[in-house]
Amino acid sequence: MPQMAPLSWLNLFIFFITVFLIFNSLNYFYFNKSSISQDQKKIKTQKKITWKW
């Protein structure tokens, strides 16, 4: 690809890795952990299902 010749492949790799890490960190910290605790309380209060095989 002659159009990509001036661009260093290492710089391109580093750019995509940093974008990937930023995207993952934003998704991790944006997630609200209080909703998990409320969901777990709902699950614990429900009846346990007895399976009849």
C-alpha atoms as a PDB file:
ATOM      1  CA  MET A   1       0.000   0.000   0.000  1.00  0.00           C
ATOM      2  CA  PRO A   2       2.001   3.007  -1.137  1.00  0.00           C
ATOM      3  CA  GLN A   3      -0.423   5.445   0.486  1.00  0.00           C
ATOM      4  CA  MET A   4       0.494   4.077   3.903  1.00  0.00           C
ATOM      5  CA  ALA A   5       4.258   4.177   3.369  1.00  0.00           C
ATOM      6  CA  PRO A   6       4.977   7.384   5.317  1.00  0.00           C
ATOM      7  CA  LEU A   7       2.956   6.155   8.278  1.00  0.00           C
ATOM      8  CA  SER A   8       4.751   4.043  10.821  1.00  0.00           C
ATOM      9  CA  TRP A   9       2.967   0.778  11.582  1.00  0.00           C
ATOM     10  CA  LEU A  10       4.141   0.953  15.181  1.00  0.00           C
ATOM     11  CA  ASN A  11       2.427   4.336  15.609  1.00  0.00           C
ATOM     12  CA  LEU A  12      -0.749   2.929  14.099  1.00  0.00           C
ATOM     13  CA  PHE A  13      -0.626  -0.065  16.437  1.00  0.00           C
ATOM     14  CA  ILE A  14      -0.051   2.154  19.473  1.00  0.00           C
ATOM     15  CA  PHE A  15      -2.914   4.403  18.424  1.00  0.00           C
ATOM     16  CA  PHE A  16      -5.398   1.514  18.165  1.00  0.00           C
ATOM     17  CA  ILE A  17      -4.228  -0.013  21.442  1.00  0.00           C
ATOM     18  CA  THR A  18      -4.715   3.295  23.272  1.00  0.00           C
ATOM     19  CA  VAL A  19      -8.167   3.760  21.738  1.00  0.00           C
ATOM     20  CA  PHE A  20      -9.057   0.212  22.781  1.00  0.00           C
ATOM     21  CA  LEU A  21      -7.851   0.767  26.354  1.00  0.00           C
ATOM     22  CA  ILE A  22      -9.656   4.094  26.670  1.00  0.00           C
ATOM     23  CA  PHE A  23     -12.861   2.548  25.337  1.00  0.00           C
ATOM     24  CA  ASN A  24     -12.652  -0.350  27.799  1.00  0.00           C
ATOM     25  CA  SER A  25     -11.855   1.861  30.768  1.00  0.00           C
ATOM     26  CA  LEU A  26     -14.759   4.188  29.971  1.00  0.00           C
ATOM     27  CA  ASN A  27     -17.123   1.239  29.736  1.00  0.00           C
ATOM     28  CA  TYR A  28     -15.835  -0.180  33.014  1.00  0.00           C
ATOM     29  CA  PHE A  29     -16.145   3.024  35.027  1.00  0.00           C
ATOM     30  CA  TYR A  30     -19.389   4.156  33.405  1.00  0.00           C
ATOM     31  CA  PHE A  31     -21.158   0.980  34.540  1.00  0.00           C
ATOM     32  CA  ASN A  32     -23.261   1.627  37.655  1.00  0.00           C
ATOM     33  CA  LYS A  33     -22.447  -0.915  40.342  1.00  0.00           C
ATOM     34  CA  SER A  34     -25.401  -0.009  42.565  1.00  0.00           C
ATOM     35  CA  SER A  35     -27.773  -1.572  40.034  1.00  0.00           C
ATOM     36  CA  ILE A  36     -25.999  -4.907  40.491  1.00  0.00           C
ATOM     37  CA  SER A  37     -26.561  -4.930  44.233  1.00  0.00           C
ATOM     38  CA  GLN A  38     -30.253  -4.141  43.751  1.00  0.00           C
ATOM     39  CA  ASP A  39     -30.589  -6.935  41.195  1.00  0.00           C
ATOM     40  CA  GLN A  40     -28.895  -9.404  43.511  1.00  0.00           C
ATOM     41  CA  LYS A  41     -31.314  -8.503  46.298  1.00  0.00           C
ATOM     42  CA  LYS A  42     -34.226  -9.155  43.946  1.00  0.00           C
ATOM     43  CA  ILE A  43     -32.794 -12.527  42.995  1.00  0.00           C
ATOM     44  CA  LYS A  44     -32.296 -13.529  46.647  1.00  0.00           C
ATOM     45  CA  THR A  45     -35.859 -12.624  47.588  1.00  0.00           C
ATOM     46  CA  GLN A  46     -37.406 -14.662  44.798  1.00  0.00           C
ATOM     47  CA  LYS A  47     -38.519 -18.235  45.409  1.00  0.00           C
ATOM     48  CA  LYS A  48     -36.096 -20.924  44.511  1.00  0.00           C
ATOM     49  CA  ILE A  49     -37.293 -23.070  41.654  1.00  0.00           C
ATOM     50  CA  THR A  50     -37.431 -26.774  42.411  1.00  0.00           C
ATOM     51  CA  TRP A  51     -36.810 -28.716  39.263  1.00  0.00           C
ATOM     52  CA  LYS A  52     -38.957 -31.780  38.685  1.00  0.00           C
ATOM     53  CA  TRP A  53     -37.145 -33.879  36.159  1.00  0.00           C
END
